[in-house]
Amino acid sequence: MRYTIRLEGLEALGGAATVVAPENPLPVAAGATRATSVFVLLPRSAFTAGERRITVRIRDDRGAEQTVPYRLLGPTDAPAAVSPPTPAP
């Protein structure tokens, strides 16, 4: 069986969101358990009060689906100003 992972709630960002799922769909043998990771790269502006709510949708080859609400954590404030390095004496 193979399971496809989809993240919903990022569409409004257009091309600003990058989702990396190294193994998608994820093959899982009968009676087995597998784990995987999904990486989400978003601009600072995609977060409100340090979070962005999305939905993780998992679907198998037979069409069965499960959706899970998820909260991505991110920056909560404006970017800090970066000072140029001080030259060594």
N, C-alpha and C. Protein backbone atom coordinates (compact mmCIF):
# COMPACT_ATOMS: atom_id res chain seq x y z
N MET A 1 0.86 -1.18 0.00
CA MET A 1 0.00 0.00 0.00
C MET A 1 0.90 1.23 0.00
N ARG A 2 0.45 2.25 -0.69
CA ARG A 2 1.18 3.52 -0.70
C ARG A 2 0.29 4.62 -0.15
N TYR A 3 0.89 5.53 0.60
CA TYR A 3 0.17 6.63 1.22
C TYR A 3 0.73 7.96 0.70
N THR A 4 -0.16 8.80 0.20
CA THR A 4 0.24 10.11 -0.32
C THR A 4 -0.07 11.17 0.73
N ILE A 5 0.89 12.06 0.96
CA ILE A 5 0.75 13.13 1.95
C ILE A 5 0.58 14.45 1.21
N ARG A 6 -0.45 15.18 1.57
CA ARG A 6 -0.69 16.51 1.00
C ARG A 6 -0.90 17.50 2.11
N LEU A 7 -0.34 18.70 1.95
CA LEU A 7 -0.55 19.76 2.93
C LEU A 7 -1.48 20.80 2.32
N GLU A 8 -2.52 21.14 3.05
CA GLU A 8 -3.49 22.14 2.58
C GLU A 8 -3.43 23.35 3.49
N GLY A 9 -3.67 24.52 2.91
CA GLY A 9 -3.62 25.75 3.67
C GLY A 9 -2.41 26.59 3.30
N LEU A 10 -1.70 26.16 2.28
CA LEU A 10 -0.53 26.90 1.80
C LEU A 10 -0.77 27.51 0.42
N GLU A 11 -1.91 27.20 -0.18
CA GLU A 11 -2.20 27.64 -1.55
C GLU A 11 -2.16 29.15 -1.71
N ALA A 12 -2.63 29.88 -0.71
CA ALA A 12 -2.70 31.34 -0.79
C ALA A 12 -1.32 31.98 -0.88
N LEU A 13 -0.28 31.22 -0.55
CA LEU A 13 1.07 31.76 -0.59
C LEU A 13 1.69 31.66 -1.98
N GLY A 14 0.98 31.01 -2.90
CA GLY A 14 1.51 30.87 -4.25
C GLY A 14 2.80 30.07 -4.22
N GLY A 15 3.80 30.57 -4.91
CA GLY A 15 5.08 29.87 -4.98
C GLY A 15 5.98 30.13 -3.79
N ALA A 16 5.50 30.85 -2.78
CA ALA A 16 6.35 31.19 -1.62
C ALA A 16 6.53 30.01 -0.67
N ALA A 17 5.70 28.99 -0.78
CA ALA A 17 5.81 27.82 0.11
C ALA A 17 6.56 26.71 -0.61
N THR A 18 7.48 26.08 0.10
CA THR A 18 8.19 24.92 -0.44
C THR A 18 7.94 23.75 0.51
N VAL A 19 7.45 22.66 -0.05
CA VAL A 19 7.20 21.45 0.74
C VAL A 19 8.14 20.37 0.21
N VAL A 20 8.90 19.78 1.13
CA VAL A 20 9.82 18.71 0.76
C VAL A 20 9.41 17.45 1.52
N ALA A 21 9.02 16.44 0.76
CA ALA A 21 8.65 15.14 1.34
C ALA A 21 9.54 14.11 0.64
N PRO A 22 10.62 13.68 1.29
CA PRO A 22 11.58 12.80 0.63
C PRO A 22 10.98 11.53 0.03
N GLU A 23 9.94 11.00 0.64
CA GLU A 23 9.30 9.79 0.12
C GLU A 23 7.80 10.00 0.09
N ASN A 24 7.30 10.39 -1.07
CA ASN A 24 5.87 10.67 -1.20
C ASN A 24 5.43 10.32 -2.62
N PRO A 25 4.65 9.26 -2.79
CA PRO A 25 3.96 8.48 -1.77
C PRO A 25 4.91 7.57 -0.98
N LEU A 26 4.46 7.23 0.22
CA LEU A 26 5.23 6.41 1.13
C LEU A 26 4.74 4.96 1.05
N PRO A 27 5.59 4.03 0.61
CA PRO A 27 5.17 2.62 0.57
C PRO A 27 5.22 2.00 1.96
N VAL A 28 4.17 1.25 2.29
CA VAL A 28 4.12 0.57 3.59
C VAL A 28 3.64 -0.86 3.33
N ALA A 29 4.46 -1.81 3.72
CA ALA A 29 4.10 -3.22 3.53
C ALA A 29 2.95 -3.60 4.47
N ALA A 30 2.17 -4.59 4.06
CA ALA A 30 1.05 -5.06 4.88
C ALA A 30 1.55 -5.45 6.26
N GLY A 31 0.90 -4.94 7.31
CA GLY A 31 1.24 -5.25 8.68
C GLY A 31 2.43 -4.46 9.22
N ALA A 32 3.02 -3.62 8.38
CA ALA A 32 4.21 -2.85 8.81
C ALA A 32 3.81 -1.44 9.22
N THR A 33 4.75 -0.78 9.87
CA THR A 33 4.59 0.62 10.26
C THR A 33 5.77 1.39 9.69
N ARG A 34 5.52 2.57 9.14
CA ARG A 34 6.60 3.42 8.61
C ARG A 34 6.42 4.83 9.14
N ALA A 35 7.52 5.54 9.21
CA ALA A 35 7.51 6.95 9.59
C ALA A 35 8.25 7.72 8.51
N THR A 36 7.86 8.97 8.33
CA THR A 36 8.55 9.82 7.36
C THR A 36 8.53 11.25 7.88
N SER A 37 9.22 12.13 7.18
CA SER A 37 9.25 13.54 7.55
C SER A 37 8.77 14.38 6.38
N VAL A 38 8.22 15.52 6.72
CA VAL A 38 7.84 16.51 5.72
C VAL A 38 8.40 17.84 6.19
N PHE A 39 9.10 18.53 5.32
CA PHE A 39 9.70 19.81 5.65
C PHE A 39 8.94 20.91 4.93
N VAL A 40 8.62 21.98 5.64
CA VAL A 40 7.88 23.09 5.07
C VAL A 40 8.70 24.36 5.26
N LEU A 41 9.00 25.01 4.15
CA LEU A 41 9.75 26.27 4.18
C LEU A 41 8.80 27.39 3.78
N LEU A 42 8.65 28.37 4.66
CA LEU A 42 7.73 29.48 4.43
C LEU A 42 8.43 30.81 4.72
N PRO A 43 7.98 31.86 4.05
CA PRO A 43 8.52 33.17 4.40
C PRO A 43 7.97 33.62 5.75
N ARG A 44 8.68 34.49 6.40
CA ARG A 44 8.28 35.03 7.70
C ARG A 44 6.85 35.58 7.65
N SER A 45 6.49 36.18 6.55
CA SER A 45 5.16 36.80 6.42
C SER A 45 4.02 35.78 6.41
N ALA A 46 4.32 34.50 6.27
CA ALA A 46 3.28 33.47 6.24
C ALA A 46 2.73 33.15 7.63
N PHE A 47 3.39 33.65 8.67
CA PHE A 47 2.99 33.33 10.04
C PHE A 47 2.27 34.50 10.68
N THR A 48 1.26 34.19 11.47
CA THR A 48 0.53 35.18 12.26
C THR A 48 0.70 34.79 13.71
N ALA A 49 1.25 35.69 14.50
CA ALA A 49 1.49 35.41 15.93
C ALA A 49 2.30 34.13 16.12
N GLY A 50 3.23 33.89 15.19
CA GLY A 50 4.13 32.74 15.34
C GLY A 50 3.58 31.41 14.90
N GLU A 51 2.45 31.39 14.19
CA GLU A 51 1.92 30.10 13.75
C GLU A 51 1.19 30.23 12.41
N ARG A 52 1.03 29.08 11.77
CA ARG A 52 0.20 28.98 10.57
C ARG A 52 -0.51 27.63 10.66
N ARG A 53 -1.80 27.68 10.56
CA ARG A 53 -2.60 26.44 10.65
C ARG A 53 -2.77 25.86 9.25
N ILE A 54 -2.51 24.55 9.16
CA ILE A 54 -2.66 23.83 7.90
C ILE A 54 -3.43 22.54 8.18
N THR A 55 -3.69 21.80 7.12
CA THR A 55 -4.30 20.48 7.24
C THR A 55 -3.40 19.48 6.53
N VAL A 56 -3.09 18.39 7.20
CA VAL A 56 -2.33 17.30 6.59
C VAL A 56 -3.35 16.27 6.12
N ARG A 57 -3.30 15.96 4.83
CA ARG A 57 -4.23 14.98 4.25
C ARG A 57 -3.43 13.77 3.79
N ILE A 58 -3.80 12.60 4.30
CA ILE A 58 -3.12 11.35 3.95
C ILE A 58 -4.14 10.47 3.24
N ARG A 59 -3.74 9.96 2.07
CA ARG A 59 -4.66 9.15 1.26
C ARG A 59 -3.94 7.88 0.82
N ASP A 60 -4.63 6.75 0.89
CA ASP A 60 -4.01 5.51 0.44
C ASP A 60 -4.42 5.19 -0.99
N ASP A 61 -3.83 4.12 -1.54
CA ASP A 61 -4.09 3.71 -2.93
C ASP A 61 -5.55 3.38 -3.19
N ARG A 62 -6.27 3.00 -2.17
CA ARG A 62 -7.68 2.62 -2.34
C ARG A 62 -8.62 3.82 -2.24
N GLY A 63 -8.08 4.99 -1.88
CA GLY A 63 -8.91 6.19 -1.79
C GLY A 63 -9.34 6.57 -0.39
N ALA A 64 -8.96 5.76 0.61
CA ALA A 64 -9.29 6.11 2.00
C ALA A 64 -8.44 7.31 2.40
N GLU A 65 -9.05 8.25 3.12
CA GLU A 65 -8.37 9.48 3.50
C GLU A 65 -8.51 9.78 4.97
N GLN A 66 -7.51 10.46 5.48
CA GLN A 66 -7.57 10.98 6.84
C GLN A 66 -7.00 12.39 6.80
N THR A 67 -7.68 13.32 7.47
CA THR A 67 -7.17 14.68 7.56
C THR A 67 -6.89 15.00 9.03
N VAL A 68 -5.79 15.73 9.22
CA VAL A 68 -5.36 16.07 10.57
C VAL A 68 -5.00 17.55 10.59
N PRO A 69 -5.64 18.36 11.44
CA PRO A 69 -5.23 19.76 11.56
C PRO A 69 -3.84 19.83 12.19
N TYR A 70 -3.03 20.78 11.73
CA TYR A 70 -1.67 20.88 12.24
C TYR A 70 -1.28 22.34 12.35
N ARG A 71 -0.49 22.67 13.35
CA ARG A 71 -0.05 24.04 13.57
C ARG A 71 1.46 24.12 13.32
N LEU A 72 1.84 24.84 12.27
CA LEU A 72 3.26 25.09 12.01
C LEU A 72 3.70 26.25 12.88
N LEU A 73 4.85 26.11 13.51
CA LEU A 73 5.38 27.18 14.35
C LEU A 73 6.44 27.95 13.58
N GLY A 74 6.45 29.26 13.77
CA GLY A 74 7.41 30.11 13.07
C GLY A 74 7.72 31.34 13.87
N PRO A 75 8.31 32.33 13.21
CA PRO A 75 8.71 33.55 13.91
C PRO A 75 7.51 34.32 14.44
N THR A 76 7.72 34.97 15.57
CA THR A 76 6.64 35.73 16.20
C THR A 76 6.85 37.23 16.12
N ASP A 77 8.01 37.66 15.67
CA ASP A 77 8.28 39.09 15.63
C ASP A 77 8.97 39.48 14.33
N ALA A 78 9.21 40.77 14.18
CA ALA A 78 9.91 41.27 12.99
C ALA A 78 11.35 40.80 13.04
N PRO A 79 11.96 40.66 11.87
CA PRO A 79 13.35 40.22 11.85
C PRO A 79 14.27 41.22 12.56
N ALA A 80 15.21 40.70 13.29
CA ALA A 80 16.18 41.57 13.99
C ALA A 80 17.16 42.14 13.00
N ALA A 81 17.56 43.35 13.23
CA ALA A 81 18.57 43.97 12.37
C ALA A 81 19.90 43.27 12.62
N VAL A 82 20.61 43.01 11.54
CA VAL A 82 21.90 42.36 11.66
C VAL A 82 22.98 43.41 11.51
N SER A 83 23.83 43.51 12.52
CA SER A 83 24.93 44.48 12.48
C SER A 83 26.09 43.90 11.70
N PRO A 84 26.79 44.73 10.96
CA PRO A 84 27.98 44.22 10.26
C PRO A 84 29.04 43.80 11.27
N PRO A 85 29.86 42.83 10.91
CA PRO A 85 30.89 42.38 11.84
C PRO A 85 31.87 43.50 12.18
N THR A 86 32.36 43.48 13.40
CA THR A 86 33.35 44.46 13.83
C THR A 86 34.74 43.97 13.41
N PRO A 87 35.51 44.82 12.72
CA PRO A 87 36.85 44.36 12.29
C PRO A 87 37.73 44.07 13.50
N ALA A 88 38.56 43.07 13.35
CA ALA A 88 39.50 42.70 14.42
C ALA A 88 40.57 43.79 14.53
N PRO A 89 41.05 44.08 15.76
CA PRO A 89 42.09 45.11 15.92
C PRO A 89 43.42 44.67 15.35
